[in-house]
PDB file of all heavy atoms in Angstrom:
ATOM      1  N   PHE A   1       0.834  -1.201  -0.007  1.00  0.00           N
ATOM      2  CA  PHE A   1       0.019  -0.007   0.005  1.00  0.00           C
ATOM      3  C   PHE A   1       0.872   1.265  -0.004  1.00  0.00           C
ATOM      4  O   PHE A   1       1.736   1.414   0.890  1.00  0.00           O
ATOM      5  CB  PHE A   1      -0.928   0.006   1.238  1.00  0.00           C
ATOM      6  CG  PHE A   1      -1.930  -1.101   1.193  1.00  0.00           C
ATOM      7  CD1 PHE A   1      -1.679  -2.305   1.774  1.00  0.00           C
ATOM      8  CD2 PHE A   1      -3.155  -0.919   0.550  1.00  0.00           C
ATOM      9  CE1 PHE A   1      -2.614  -3.354   1.760  1.00  0.00           C
ATOM     10  CE2 PHE A   1      -4.096  -1.931   0.536  1.00  0.00           C
ATOM     11  CZ  PHE A   1      -3.801  -3.156   1.123  1.00  0.00           C
ATOM     12  N   SER A   2       0.670   2.099  -0.992  1.00  0.00           N
ATOM     13  CA  SER A   2       1.380   3.403  -1.078  1.00  0.00           C
ATOM     14  C   SER A   2       0.475   4.449  -0.514  1.00  0.00           C
ATOM     15  O   SER A   2      -0.511   4.853  -1.163  1.00  0.00           O
ATOM     16  CB  SER A   2       1.737   3.714  -2.538  1.00  0.00           C
ATOM     17  OG  SER A   2       2.609   2.739  -3.060  1.00  0.00           O
ATOM     18  N   GLU A   3       0.779   4.939   0.689  1.00  0.00           N
ATOM     19  CA  GLU A   3      -0.167   5.869   1.326  1.00  0.00           C
ATOM     20  C   GLU A   3       0.051   7.277   0.800  1.00  0.00           C
ATOM     21  O   GLU A   3       1.142   7.725   0.501  1.00  0.00           O
ATOM     22  CB  GLU A   3      -0.006   5.845   2.848  1.00  0.00           C
ATOM     23  CG  GLU A   3       1.210   6.470   3.436  1.00  0.00           C
ATOM     24  CD  GLU A   3       2.343   5.483   3.611  1.00  0.00           C
ATOM     25  OE1 GLU A   3       2.469   4.560   2.824  1.00  0.00           O
ATOM     26  OE2 GLU A   3       3.154   5.682   4.579  1.00  0.00           O
ATOM     27  N   ILE A   4      -1.097   7.975   0.681  1.00  0.00           N
ATOM     28  CA  ILE A   4      -1.129   9.375   0.229  1.00  0.00           C
ATOM     29  C   ILE A   4      -1.953  10.143   1.254  1.00  0.00           C
ATOM     30  O   ILE A   4      -3.142   9.903   1.351  1.00  0.00           O
ATOM     31  CB  ILE A   4      -1.722   9.471  -1.176  1.00  0.00           C
ATOM     32  CG1 ILE A   4      -0.904   8.689  -2.191  1.00  0.00           C
ATOM     33  CG2 ILE A   4      -1.873  10.951  -1.614  1.00  0.00           C
ATOM     34  CD1 ILE A   4      -1.597   8.437  -3.499  1.00  0.00           C
ATOM     35  N   LEU A   5      -1.333  10.984   2.059  1.00  0.00           N
ATOM     36  CA  LEU A   5      -2.010  11.704   3.128  1.00  0.00           C
ATOM     37  C   LEU A   5      -2.387  13.070   2.662  1.00  0.00           C
ATOM     38  O   LEU A   5      -1.496  13.860   2.249  1.00  0.00           O
ATOM     39  CB  LEU A   5      -1.131  11.773   4.393  1.00  0.00           C
ATOM     40  CG  LEU A   5      -1.199  10.498   5.278  1.00  0.00           C
ATOM     41  CD1 LEU A   5      -0.538   9.343   4.652  1.00  0.00           C
ATOM     42  CD2 LEU A   5      -0.627  10.826   6.659  1.00  0.00           C
ATOM     43  N   ARG A   6      -3.670  13.370   2.634  1.00  0.00           N
ATOM     44  CA  ARG A   6      -4.147  14.665   2.175  1.00  0.00           C
ATOM     45  C   ARG A   6      -5.351  15.085   3.048  1.00  0.00           C
ATOM     46  O   ARG A   6      -6.026  14.238   3.671  1.00  0.00           O
ATOM     47  CB  ARG A   6      -4.632  14.573   0.728  1.00  0.00           C
ATOM     48  CG  ARG A   6      -3.582  14.259  -0.276  1.00  0.00           C
ATOM     49  CD  ARG A   6      -2.614  15.407  -0.535  1.00  0.00           C
ATOM     50  NE  ARG A   6      -1.717  15.136  -1.645  1.00  0.00           N
ATOM     51  CZ  ARG A   6      -0.601  14.407  -1.581  1.00  0.00           C
ATOM     52  NH1 ARG A   6      -0.209  13.918  -0.415  1.00  0.00           N
ATOM     53  NH2 ARG A   6       0.147  14.206  -2.662  1.00  0.00           N
ATOM     54  N   ASP A   7      -5.632  16.366   3.096  1.00  0.00           N
ATOM     55  CA  ASP A   7      -6.822  16.852   3.698  1.00  0.00           C
ATOM     56  C   ASP A   7      -8.045  16.167   3.054  1.00  0.00           C
ATOM     57  O   ASP A   7      -8.032  15.837   1.869  1.00  0.00           O
ATOM     58  CB  ASP A   7      -6.933  18.402   3.505  1.00  0.00           C
ATOM     59  CG  ASP A   7      -8.217  18.994   3.984  1.00  0.00           C
ATOM     60  OD1 ASP A   7      -8.354  19.155   5.216  1.00  0.00           O
ATOM     61  OD2 ASP A   7      -9.140  19.221   3.198  1.00  0.00           O
ATOM     62  N   VAL A   8      -9.111  15.979   3.866  1.00  0.00           N
ATOM     63  CA  VAL A   8     -10.235  15.188   3.390  1.00  0.00           C
ATOM     64  C   VAL A   8     -10.891  15.787   2.128  1.00  0.00           C
ATOM     65  O   VAL A   8     -11.329  15.085   1.202  1.00  0.00           O
ATOM     66  CB  VAL A   8     -11.300  14.988   4.492  1.00  0.00           C
ATOM     67  CG1 VAL A   8     -11.941  16.316   4.896  1.00  0.00           C
ATOM     68  CG2 VAL A   8     -12.358  13.985   4.080  1.00  0.00           C
ATOM     69  N   GLU A   9     -10.939  17.120   2.019  1.00  0.00           N
ATOM     70  CA  GLU A   9     -11.529  17.707   0.827  1.00  0.00           C
ATOM     71  C   GLU A   9     -10.669  17.453  -0.415  1.00  0.00           C
ATOM     72  O   GLU A   9     -11.166  17.272  -1.499  1.00  0.00           O
ATOM     73  CB  GLU A   9     -11.770  19.219   1.055  1.00  0.00           C
ATOM     74  CG  GLU A   9     -12.503  19.895  -0.065  1.00  0.00           C
ATOM     75  CD  GLU A   9     -13.966  19.518  -0.212  1.00  0.00           C
ATOM     76  OE1 GLU A   9     -14.426  18.510   0.414  1.00  0.00           O
ATOM     77  OE2 GLU A   9     -14.715  20.171  -1.006  1.00  0.00           O
ATOM     78  N   GLU A  10      -9.317  17.447  -0.232  1.00  0.00           N
ATOM     79  CA  GLU A  10      -8.477  17.113  -1.352  1.00  0.00           C
ATOM     80  C   GLU A  10      -8.654  15.642  -1.733  1.00  0.00           C
ATOM     81  O   GLU A  10      -8.669  15.316  -2.940  1.00  0.00           O
ATOM     82  CB  GLU A  10      -7.002  17.378  -0.989  1.00  0.00           C
ATOM     83  CG  GLU A  10      -6.090  17.264  -2.223  1.00  0.00           C
ATOM     84  CD  GLU A  10      -4.667  17.724  -1.906  1.00  0.00           C
ATOM     85  OE1 GLU A  10      -4.416  18.356  -0.837  1.00  0.00           O
ATOM     86  OE2 GLU A  10      -3.810  17.482  -2.762  1.00  0.00           O
ATOM     87  N   LEU A  11      -8.820  14.789  -0.773  1.00  0.00           N
ATOM     88  CA  LEU A  11      -9.113  13.359  -1.070  1.00  0.00           C
ATOM     89  C   LEU A  11     -10.444  13.238  -1.830  1.00  0.00           C
ATOM     90  O   LEU A  11     -10.574  12.457  -2.818  1.00  0.00           O
ATOM     91  CB  LEU A  11      -9.140  12.547   0.171  1.00  0.00           C
ATOM     92  CG  LEU A  11      -7.845  12.326   0.966  1.00  0.00           C
ATOM     93  CD1 LEU A  11      -8.101  11.642   2.231  1.00  0.00           C
ATOM     94  CD2 LEU A  11      -6.833  11.570   0.086  1.00  0.00           C
ATOM     95  N   ASN A  12     -11.423  14.021  -1.450  1.00  0.00           N
ATOM     96  CA  ASN A  12     -12.731  14.033  -2.123  1.00  0.00           C
ATOM     97  C   ASN A  12     -12.531  14.364  -3.622  1.00  0.00           C
ATOM     98  O   ASN A  12     -13.083  13.740  -4.507  1.00  0.00           O
ATOM     99  CB  ASN A  12     -13.659  15.014  -1.517  1.00  0.00           C
ATOM    100  CG  ASN A  12     -14.152  14.579  -0.113  1.00  0.00           C
ATOM    101  OD1 ASN A  12     -14.119  13.408   0.207  1.00  0.00           O
ATOM    102  ND2 ASN A  12     -14.578  15.528   0.679  1.00  0.00           N
ATOM    103  N   ARG A  13     -11.727  15.417  -3.862  1.00  0.00           N
ATOM    104  CA  ARG A  13     -11.465  15.831  -5.242  1.00  0.00           C
ATOM    105  C   ARG A  13     -10.700  14.781  -6.053  1.00  0.00           C
ATOM    106  O   ARG A  13     -10.949  14.511  -7.184  1.00  0.00           O
ATOM    107  CB  ARG A  13     -10.768  17.174  -5.295  1.00  0.00           C
ATOM    108  CG  ARG A  13     -11.587  18.339  -4.773  1.00  0.00           C
ATOM    109  CD  ARG A  13     -10.936  19.674  -5.146  1.00  0.00           C
ATOM    110  NE  ARG A  13      -9.677  19.842  -4.444  1.00  0.00           N
ATOM    111  CZ  ARG A  13      -9.525  20.477  -3.298  1.00  0.00           C
ATOM    112  NH1 ARG A  13     -10.604  20.981  -2.662  1.00  0.00           N
ATOM    113  NH2 ARG A  13      -8.331  20.657  -2.714  1.00  0.00           N
ATOM    114  N   MET A  14      -9.702  14.173  -5.375  1.00  0.00           N
ATOM    115  CA  MET A  14      -8.900  13.140  -6.041  1.00  0.00           C
ATOM    116  C   MET A  14      -9.783  11.937  -6.389  1.00  0.00           C
ATOM    117  O   MET A  14      -9.629  11.339  -7.462  1.00  0.00           O
ATOM    118  CB  MET A  14      -7.736  12.724  -5.134  1.00  0.00           C
ATOM    119  CG  MET A  14      -6.674  13.770  -4.966  1.00  0.00           C
ATOM    120  SD  MET A  14      -5.375  13.330  -3.747  1.00  0.00           S
ATOM    121  CE  MET A  14      -4.444  12.098  -4.735  1.00  0.00           C
ATOM    122  N   ALA A  15     -10.724  11.580  -5.531  1.00  0.00           N
ATOM    123  CA  ALA A  15     -11.578  10.494  -5.787  1.00  0.00           C
ATOM    124  C   ALA A  15     -12.486  10.811  -6.966  1.00  0.00           C
ATOM    125  O   ALA A  15     -12.827   9.944  -7.814  1.00  0.00           O
ATOM    126  CB  ALA A  15     -12.407  10.147  -4.558  1.00  0.00           C
ATOM    127  N   ARG A  16     -12.956  12.056  -7.023  1.00  0.00           N
ATOM    128  CA  ARG A  16     -13.788  12.485  -8.192  1.00  0.00           C
ATOM    129  C   ARG A  16     -13.037  12.349  -9.489  1.00  0.00           C
ATOM    130  O   ARG A  16     -13.630  12.115 -10.554  1.00  0.00           O
ATOM    131  CB  ARG A  16     -14.308  13.866  -7.984  1.00  0.00           C
ATOM    132  CG  ARG A  16     -15.329  14.041  -6.885  1.00  0.00           C
ATOM    133  CD  ARG A  16     -16.005  15.412  -6.942  1.00  0.00           C
ATOM    134  NE  ARG A  16     -17.108  15.417  -7.948  1.00  0.00           N
ATOM    135  CZ  ARG A  16     -18.036  16.369  -7.999  1.00  0.00           C
ATOM    136  NH1 ARG A  16     -18.052  17.326  -7.140  1.00  0.00           N
ATOM    137  NH2 ARG A  16     -18.951  16.320  -8.936  1.00  0.00           N
ATOM    138  N   ASP A  17     -11.700  12.480  -9.443  1.00  0.00           N
ATOM    139  CA  ASP A  17     -10.883  12.312 -10.643  1.00  0.00           C
ATOM    140  C   ASP A  17     -10.456  10.856 -10.819  1.00  0.00           C
ATOM    141  O   ASP A  17      -9.623  10.561 -11.668  1.00  0.00           O
ATOM    142  CB  ASP A  17      -9.654  13.192 -10.553  1.00  0.00           C
ATOM    143  CG  ASP A  17     -10.023  14.687 -10.579  1.00  0.00           C
ATOM    144  OD1 ASP A  17     -11.070  15.020 -11.157  1.00  0.00           O
ATOM    145  OD2 ASP A  17      -9.243  15.505 -10.050  1.00  0.00           O
ATOM    146  N   SER A  18     -11.002   9.942  -9.952  1.00  0.00           N
ATOM    147  CA  SER A  18     -10.606   8.532  -9.981  1.00  0.00           C
ATOM    148  C   SER A  18      -9.146   8.312  -9.836  1.00  0.00           C
ATOM    149  O   SER A  18      -8.529   7.484 -10.499  1.00  0.00           O
ATOM    150  CB  SER A  18     -11.170   7.858 -11.243  1.00  0.00           C
ATOM    151  OG  SER A  18     -12.569   7.963 -11.315  1.00  0.00           O
ATOM    152  N   GLY A  19      -8.508   9.141  -8.975  1.00  0.00           N
ATOM    153  CA  GLY A  19      -7.072   9.074  -8.872  1.00  0.00           C
ATOM    154  C   GLY A  19      -6.510   8.082  -7.873  1.00  0.00           C
ATOM    155  O   GLY A  19      -5.273   7.975  -7.719  1.00  0.00           O
ATOM    156  N   LEU A  20      -7.340   7.392  -7.116  1.00  0.00           N
ATOM    157  CA  LEU A  20      -6.851   6.502  -6.097  1.00  0.00           C
ATOM    158  C   LEU A  20      -7.555   5.132  -6.145  1.00  0.00           C
ATOM    159  O   LEU A  20      -8.749   5.074  -6.435  1.00  0.00           O
ATOM    160  CB  LEU A  20      -7.101   7.161  -4.672  1.00  0.00           C
ATOM    161  CG  LEU A  20      -6.339   8.450  -4.400  1.00  0.00           C
ATOM    162  CD1 LEU A  20      -6.951   9.175  -3.216  1.00  0.00           C
ATOM    163  CD2 LEU A  20      -4.894   8.164  -4.174  1.00  0.00           C
ATOM    164  N   ASP A  21      -6.809   4.093  -5.820  1.00  0.00           N
ATOM    165  CA  ASP A  21      -7.398   2.749  -5.804  1.00  0.00           C
ATOM    166  C   ASP A  21      -8.310   2.595  -4.607  1.00  0.00           C
ATOM    167  O   ASP A  21      -9.450   2.087  -4.697  1.00  0.00           O
ATOM    168  CB  ASP A  21      -6.294   1.667  -5.703  1.00  0.00           C
ATOM    169  CG  ASP A  21      -5.414   1.644  -6.933  1.00  0.00           C
ATOM    170  OD1 ASP A  21      -5.961   1.747  -8.034  1.00  0.00           O
ATOM    171  OD2 ASP A  21      -4.166   1.527  -6.776  1.00  0.00           O
ATOM    172  N   ILE A  22      -7.846   3.053  -3.400  1.00  0.00           N
ATOM    173  CA  ILE A  22      -8.610   2.980  -2.180  1.00  0.00           C
ATOM    174  C   ILE A  22      -8.479   4.355  -1.503  1.00  0.00           C
ATOM    175  O   ILE A  22      -7.361   4.914  -1.498  1.00  0.00           O
ATOM    176  CB  ILE A  22      -8.080   1.895  -1.205  1.00  0.00           C
ATOM    177  CG1 ILE A  22      -7.942   0.557  -1.925  1.00  0.00           C
ATOM    178  CG2 ILE A  22      -8.949   1.783   0.023  1.00  0.00           C
ATOM    179  CD1 ILE A  22      -6.660  -0.132  -1.656  1.00  0.00           C
ATOM    180  N   THR A  23      -9.560   4.872  -0.988  1.00  0.00           N
ATOM    181  CA  THR A  23      -9.411   6.211  -0.355  1.00  0.00           C
ATOM    182  C   THR A  23     -10.487   6.450   0.665  1.00  0.00           C
ATOM    183  O   THR A  23     -11.575   5.954   0.592  1.00  0.00           O
ATOM    184  CB  THR A  23      -9.497   7.333  -1.452  1.00  0.00           C
ATOM    185  OG1 THR A  23      -9.273   8.592  -0.817  1.00  0.00           O
ATOM    186  CG2 THR A  23     -10.851   7.351  -2.124  1.00  0.00           C
ATOM    187  N   LYS A  24     -10.113   7.203   1.677  1.00  0.00           N
ATOM    188  CA  LYS A  24     -11.088   7.808   2.608  1.00  0.00           C
ATOM    189  C   LYS A  24     -11.769   8.966   1.859  1.00  0.00           C
ATOM    190  O   LYS A  24     -11.151   9.699   1.088  1.00  0.00           O
ATOM    191  CB  LYS A  24     -10.337   8.375   3.809  1.00  0.00           C
ATOM    192  CG  LYS A  24     -11.221   9.137   4.815  1.00  0.00           C
ATOM    193  CD  LYS A  24     -12.078   8.188   5.624  1.00  0.00           C
ATOM    194  CE  LYS A  24     -12.806   8.884   6.754  1.00  0.00           C
ATOM    195  NZ  LYS A  24     -11.902   9.252   7.865  1.00  0.00           N
ATOM    196  N   ALA A  25     -13.032   9.068   2.050  1.00  0.00           N
ATOM    197  CA  ALA A  25     -13.826  10.161   1.442  1.00  0.00           C
ATOM    198  C   ALA A  25     -14.975  10.489   2.317  1.00  0.00           C
ATOM    199  O   ALA A  25     -15.460   9.650   3.086  1.00  0.00           O
ATOM    200  CB  ALA A  25     -14.318   9.799   0.042  1.00  0.00           C
ATOM    201  N   SER A  26     -15.439  11.723   2.255  1.00  0.00           N
ATOM    202  CA  SER A  26     -16.650  12.107   2.974  1.00  0.00           C
ATOM    203  C   SER A  26     -17.815  11.374   2.333  1.00  0.00           C
ATOM    204  O   SER A  26     -17.872  11.124   1.139  1.00  0.00           O
ATOM    205  CB  SER A  26     -16.881  13.641   2.808  1.00  0.00           C
ATOM    206  OG  SER A  26     -15.822  14.391   3.319  1.00  0.00           O
ATOM    207  N   PHE A  27     -18.824  11.040   3.179  1.00  0.00           N
ATOM    208  CA  PHE A  27     -20.000  10.411   2.595  1.00  0.00           C
ATOM    209  C   PHE A  27     -20.711  11.357   1.626  1.00  0.00           C
ATOM    210  O   PHE A  27     -21.350  10.889   0.688  1.00  0.00           O
ATOM    211  CB  PHE A  27     -20.940   9.930   3.721  1.00  0.00           C
ATOM    212  CG  PHE A  27     -20.562   8.619   4.271  1.00  0.00           C
ATOM    213  CD1 PHE A  27     -20.210   8.485   5.607  1.00  0.00           C
ATOM    214  CD2 PHE A  27     -20.526   7.453   3.472  1.00  0.00           C
ATOM    215  CE1 PHE A  27     -19.793   7.239   6.111  1.00  0.00           C
ATOM    216  CE2 PHE A  27     -20.160   6.237   4.016  1.00  0.00           C
ATOM    217  CZ  PHE A  27     -19.796   6.112   5.304  1.00  0.00           C
ATOM    218  N   HIS A  28     -20.585  12.677   1.867  1.00  0.00           N
ATOM    219  CA  HIS A  28     -21.180  13.616   0.911  1.00  0.00           C
ATOM    220  C   HIS A  28     -20.518  13.392  -0.475  1.00  0.00           C
ATOM    221  O   HIS A  28     -21.237  13.295  -1.476  1.00  0.00           O
ATOM    222  CB  HIS A  28     -20.948  15.038   1.380  1.00  0.00           C
ATOM    223  CG  HIS A  28     -21.542  16.076   0.491  1.00  0.00           C
ATOM    224  ND1 HIS A  28     -21.374  17.417   0.686  1.00  0.00           N
ATOM    225  CD2 HIS A  28     -22.340  15.993  -0.615  1.00  0.00           C
ATOM    226  CE1 HIS A  28     -21.999  18.113  -0.226  1.00  0.00           C
ATOM    227  NE2 HIS A  28     -22.592  17.291  -1.050  1.00  0.00           N
ATOM    228  N   ALA A  29     -19.185  13.340  -0.492  1.00  0.00           N
ATOM    229  CA  ALA A  29     -18.492  13.108  -1.753  1.00  0.00           C
ATOM    230  C   ALA A  29     -18.883  11.758  -2.348  1.00  0.00           C
ATOM    231  O   ALA A  29     -19.089  11.646  -3.596  1.00  0.00           O
ATOM    232  CB  ALA A  29     -16.953  13.163  -1.557  1.00  0.00           C
ATOM    233  N   TYR A  30     -19.011  10.732  -1.517  1.00  0.00           N
ATOM    234  CA  TYR A  30     -19.336   9.422  -2.042  1.00  0.00           C
ATOM    235  C   TYR A  30     -20.704   9.426  -2.681  1.00  0.00           C
ATOM    236  O   TYR A  30     -20.948   8.658  -3.622  1.00  0.00           O
ATOM    237  CB  TYR A  30     -19.287   8.353  -0.926  1.00  0.00           C
ATOM    238  CG  TYR A  30     -19.588   6.985  -1.404  1.00  0.00           C
ATOM    239  CD1 TYR A  30     -18.930   6.463  -2.557  1.00  0.00           C
ATOM    240  CD2 TYR A  30     -20.546   6.153  -0.800  1.00  0.00           C
ATOM    241  CE1 TYR A  30     -19.214   5.219  -3.044  1.00  0.00           C
ATOM    242  CE2 TYR A  30     -20.816   4.902  -1.307  1.00  0.00           C
ATOM    243  CZ  TYR A  30     -20.165   4.422  -2.419  1.00  0.00           C
ATOM    244  OH  TYR A  30     -20.450   3.155  -2.919  1.00  0.00           O
ATOM    245  N   GLY A  31     -21.580  10.297  -2.252  1.00  0.00           N
ATOM    246  CA  GLY A  31     -22.878  10.437  -2.908  1.00  0.00           C
ATOM    247  C   GLY A  31     -22.747  10.748  -4.394  1.00  0.00           C
ATOM    248  O   GLY A  31     -23.666  10.426  -5.195  1.00  0.00           O
ATOM    249  N   HIS A  32     -21.640  11.364  -4.790  1.00  0.00           N
ATOM    250  CA  HIS A  32     -21.383  11.707  -6.187  1.00  0.00           C
ATOM    251  C   HIS A  32     -20.486  10.691  -6.882  1.00  0.00           C
ATOM    252  O   HIS A  32     -20.189  10.826  -8.087  1.00  0.00           O
ATOM    253  CB  HIS A  32     -20.714  13.069  -6.287  1.00  0.00           C
ATOM    254  CG  HIS A  32     -21.529  14.218  -5.776  1.00  0.00           C
ATOM    255  ND1 HIS A  32     -22.495  14.878  -6.547  1.00  0.00           N
ATOM    256  CD2 HIS A  32     -21.604  14.813  -4.516  1.00  0.00           C
ATOM    257  CE1 HIS A  32     -23.045  15.828  -5.848  1.00  0.00           C
ATOM    258  NE2 HIS A  32     -22.539  15.803  -4.628  1.00  0.00           N
ATOM    259  N   LEU A  33     -20.043   9.660  -6.143  1.00  0.00           N
ATOM    260  CA  LEU A  33     -19.029   8.737  -6.642  1.00  0.00           C
ATOM    261  C   LEU A  33     -19.481   7.291  -6.688  1.00  0.00           C
ATOM    262  O   LEU A  33     -18.680   6.395  -6.972  1.00  0.00           O
ATOM    263  CB  LEU A  33     -17.777   8.825  -5.766  1.00  0.00           C
ATOM    264  CG  LEU A  33     -17.056  10.174  -5.676  1.00  0.00           C
ATOM    265  CD1 LEU A  33     -16.008  10.144  -4.580  1.00  0.00           C
ATOM    266  CD2 LEU A  33     -16.387  10.454  -6.989  1.00  0.00           C
ATOM    267  N   ARG A  34     -20.767   7.048  -6.486  1.00  0.00           N
ATOM    268  CA  ARG A  34     -21.240   5.673  -6.332  1.00  0.00           C
ATOM    269  C   ARG A  34     -21.144   4.900  -7.627  1.00  0.00           C
ATOM    270  O   ARG A  34     -21.171   3.668  -7.605  1.00  0.00           O
ATOM    271  CB  ARG A  34     -22.691   5.662  -5.783  1.00  0.00           C
ATOM    272  CG  ARG A  34     -22.749   6.085  -4.346  1.00  0.00           C
ATOM    273  CD  ARG A  34     -24.155   6.136  -3.837  1.00  0.00           C
ATOM    274  NE  ARG A  34     -24.843   7.356  -4.303  1.00  0.00           N
ATOM    275  CZ  ARG A  34     -26.134   7.611  -4.043  1.00  0.00           C
ATOM    276  NH1 ARG A  34     -26.866   6.771  -3.361  1.00  0.00           N
ATOM    277  NH2 ARG A  34     -26.681   8.732  -4.493  1.00  0.00           N
ATOM    278  N   ASP A  35     -21.022   5.587  -8.776  1.00  0.00           N
ATOM    279  CA  ASP A  35     -20.868   4.873 -10.041  1.00  0.00           C
ATOM    280  C   ASP A  35     -19.421   4.363 -10.227  1.00  0.00           C
ATOM    281  O   ASP A  35     -19.154   3.522 -11.080  1.00  0.00           O
ATOM    282  CB  ASP A  35     -21.260   5.779 -11.193  1.00  0.00           C
ATOM    283  CG  ASP A  35     -20.435   7.049 -11.257  1.00  0.00           C
ATOM    284  OD1 ASP A  35     -19.946   7.530 -10.214  1.00  0.00           O
ATOM    285  OD2 ASP A  35     -20.282   7.608 -12.356  1.00  0.00           O
ATOM    286  N   ARG A  36     -18.472   4.920  -9.447  1.00  0.00           N
ATOM    287  CA  ARG A  36     -17.052   4.581  -9.646  1.00  0.00           C
ATOM    288  C   ARG A  36     -16.403   3.818  -8.470  1.00  0.00           C
ATOM    289  O   ARG A  36     -15.404   3.176  -8.664  1.00  0.00           O
ATOM    290  CB  ARG A  36     -16.271   5.905  -9.848  1.00  0.00           C
ATOM    291  CG  ARG A  36     -16.396   6.455 -11.249  1.00  0.00           C
ATOM    292  CD  ARG A  36     -15.812   7.812 -11.348  1.00  0.00           C
ATOM    293  NE  ARG A  36     -16.764   8.823 -11.023  1.00  0.00           N
ATOM    294  CZ  ARG A  36     -16.463  10.128 -10.932  1.00  0.00           C
ATOM    295  NH1 ARG A  36     -15.241  10.552 -11.084  1.00  0.00           N
ATOM    296  NH2 ARG A  36     -17.424  10.988 -10.597  1.00  0.00           N
ATOM    297  N   TYR A  37     -17.024   3.932  -7.291  1.00  0.00           N
ATOM    298  CA  TYR A  37     -16.436   3.311  -6.096  1.00  0.00           C
ATOM    299  C   TYR A  37     -17.485   2.540  -5.328  1.00  0.00           C
ATOM    300  O   TYR A  37     -18.664   2.901  -5.327  1.00  0.00           O
ATOM    301  CB  TYR A  37     -15.862   4.384  -5.160  1.00  0.00           C
ATOM    302  CG  TYR A  37     -14.552   5.004  -5.638  1.00  0.00           C
ATOM    303  CD1 TYR A  37     -14.539   6.117  -6.441  1.00  0.00           C
ATOM    304  CD2 TYR A  37     -13.308   4.467  -5.245  1.00  0.00           C
ATOM    305  CE1 TYR A  37     -13.346   6.736  -6.885  1.00  0.00           C
ATOM    306  CE2 TYR A  37     -12.114   5.061  -5.655  1.00  0.00           C
ATOM    307  CZ  TYR A  37     -12.150   6.175  -6.480  1.00  0.00           C
ATOM    308  OH  TYR A  37     -11.002   6.780  -6.867  1.00  0.00           O
ATOM    309  N   VAL A  38     -17.038   1.451  -4.677  1.00  0.00           N
ATOM    310  CA  VAL A  38     -17.859   0.729  -3.703  1.00  0.00           C
ATOM    311  C   VAL A  38     -17.405   1.172  -2.315  1.00  0.00           C
ATOM    312  O   VAL A  38     -16.235   1.664  -2.134  1.00  0.00           O
ATOM    313  CB  VAL A  38     -17.746  -0.798  -3.866  1.00  0.00           C
ATOM    314  CG1 VAL A  38     -18.354  -1.249  -5.170  1.00  0.00           C
ATOM    315  CG2 VAL A  38     -16.314  -1.280  -3.751  1.00  0.00           C
ATOM    316  N   LEU A  39     -18.268   0.969  -1.373  1.00  0.00           N
ATOM    317  CA  LEU A  39     -17.984   1.325   0.021  1.00  0.00           C
ATOM    318  C   LEU A  39     -17.500   0.107   0.756  1.00  0.00           C
ATOM    319  O   LEU A  39     -18.044  -1.006   0.626  1.00  0.00           O
ATOM    320  CB  LEU A  39     -19.242   1.899   0.658  1.00  0.00           C
ATOM    321  CG  LEU A  39     -19.146   2.274   2.138  1.00  0.00           C
ATOM    322  CD1 LEU A  39     -18.166   3.411   2.360  1.00  0.00           C
ATOM    323  CD2 LEU A  39     -20.547   2.655   2.651  1.00  0.00           C
ATOM    324  N   LEU A  40     -16.428   0.267   1.565  1.00  0.00           N
ATOM    325  CA  LEU A  40     -15.960  -0.834   2.395  1.00  0.00           C
ATOM    326  C   LEU A  40     -16.635  -0.754   3.762  1.00  0.00           C
ATOM    327  O   LEU A  40     -16.983   0.300   4.227  1.00  0.00           O
ATOM    328  CB  LEU A  40     -14.411  -0.738   2.573  1.00  0.00           C
ATOM    329  CG  LEU A  40     -13.583  -0.783   1.299  1.00  0.00           C
ATOM    330  CD1 LEU A  40     -12.105  -0.930   1.677  1.00  0.00           C
ATOM    331  CD2 LEU A  40     -13.994  -1.861   0.321  1.00  0.00           C
ATOM    332  N   ARG A  41     -16.782  -1.915   4.403  1.00  0.00           N
ATOM    333  CA  ARG A  41     -17.444  -1.984   5.686  1.00  0.00           C
ATOM    334  C   ARG A  41     -16.495  -1.579   6.832  1.00  0.00           C
ATOM    335  O   ARG A  41     -16.975  -1.365   7.945  1.00  0.00           O
ATOM    336  CB  ARG A  41     -17.989  -3.369   5.921  1.00  0.00           C
ATOM    337  CG  ARG A  41     -19.106  -3.759   4.949  1.00  0.00           C
ATOM    338  CD  ARG A  41     -19.533  -5.213   5.099  1.00  0.00           C
ATOM    339  NE  ARG A  41     -20.458  -5.592   4.070  1.00  0.00           N
ATOM    340  CZ  ARG A  41     -21.790  -5.508   4.189  1.00  0.00           C
ATOM    341  NH1 ARG A  41     -22.327  -5.082   5.299  1.00  0.00           N
ATOM    342  NH2 ARG A  41     -22.570  -5.869   3.156  1.00  0.00           N
ATOM    343  N   SER A  42     -15.208  -1.536   6.560  1.00  0.00           N
ATOM    344  CA  SER A  42     -14.232  -1.208   7.623  1.00  0.00           C
ATOM    345  C   SER A  42     -13.522   0.078   7.336  1.00  0.00           C
ATOM    346  O   SER A  42     -13.393   0.523   6.189  1.00  0.00           O
ATOM    347  CB  SER A  42     -13.190  -2.324   7.719  1.00  0.00           C
ATOM    348  OG  SER A  42     -13.802  -3.523   8.058  1.00  0.00           O
ATOM    349  N   GLY A  43     -13.116   0.754   8.417  1.00  0.00           N
ATOM    350  CA  GLY A  43     -12.259   1.953   8.320  1.00  0.00           C
ATOM    351  C   GLY A  43     -12.974   3.286   8.274  1.00  0.00           C
ATOM    352  O   GLY A  43     -12.309   4.335   8.275  1.00  0.00           O
ATOM    353  N   GLY A  44     -14.262   3.273   8.333  1.00  0.00           N
ATOM    354  CA  GLY A  44     -15.030   4.522   8.244  1.00  0.00           C
ATOM    355  C   GLY A  44     -15.143   5.289   9.559  1.00  0.00           C
ATOM    356  O   GLY A  44     -14.704   4.842  10.607  1.00  0.00           O
ATOM    357  N   ALA A  45     -15.738   6.485   9.469  1.00  0.00           N
ATOM    358  CA  ALA A  45     -15.984   7.346  10.616  1.00  0.00           C
ATOM    359  C   ALA A  45     -17.453   7.558  10.771  1.00  0.00           C
ATOM    360  O   ALA A  45     -18.069   8.315  10.013  1.00  0.00           O
ATOM    361  CB  ALA A  45     -15.251   8.665  10.449  1.00  0.00           C
TER     362      ALA A  45
END
């Protein structure tokens, strides 16, 4: 695993660009990303 540490809003933007294999994201952001990402059952807040 190659970790990339960023502020959550930057991670949200990176996820919108499909830039990460696995990522933390706000659930708000995930509402816009459900076509590209699945949600994991572990690791959330």
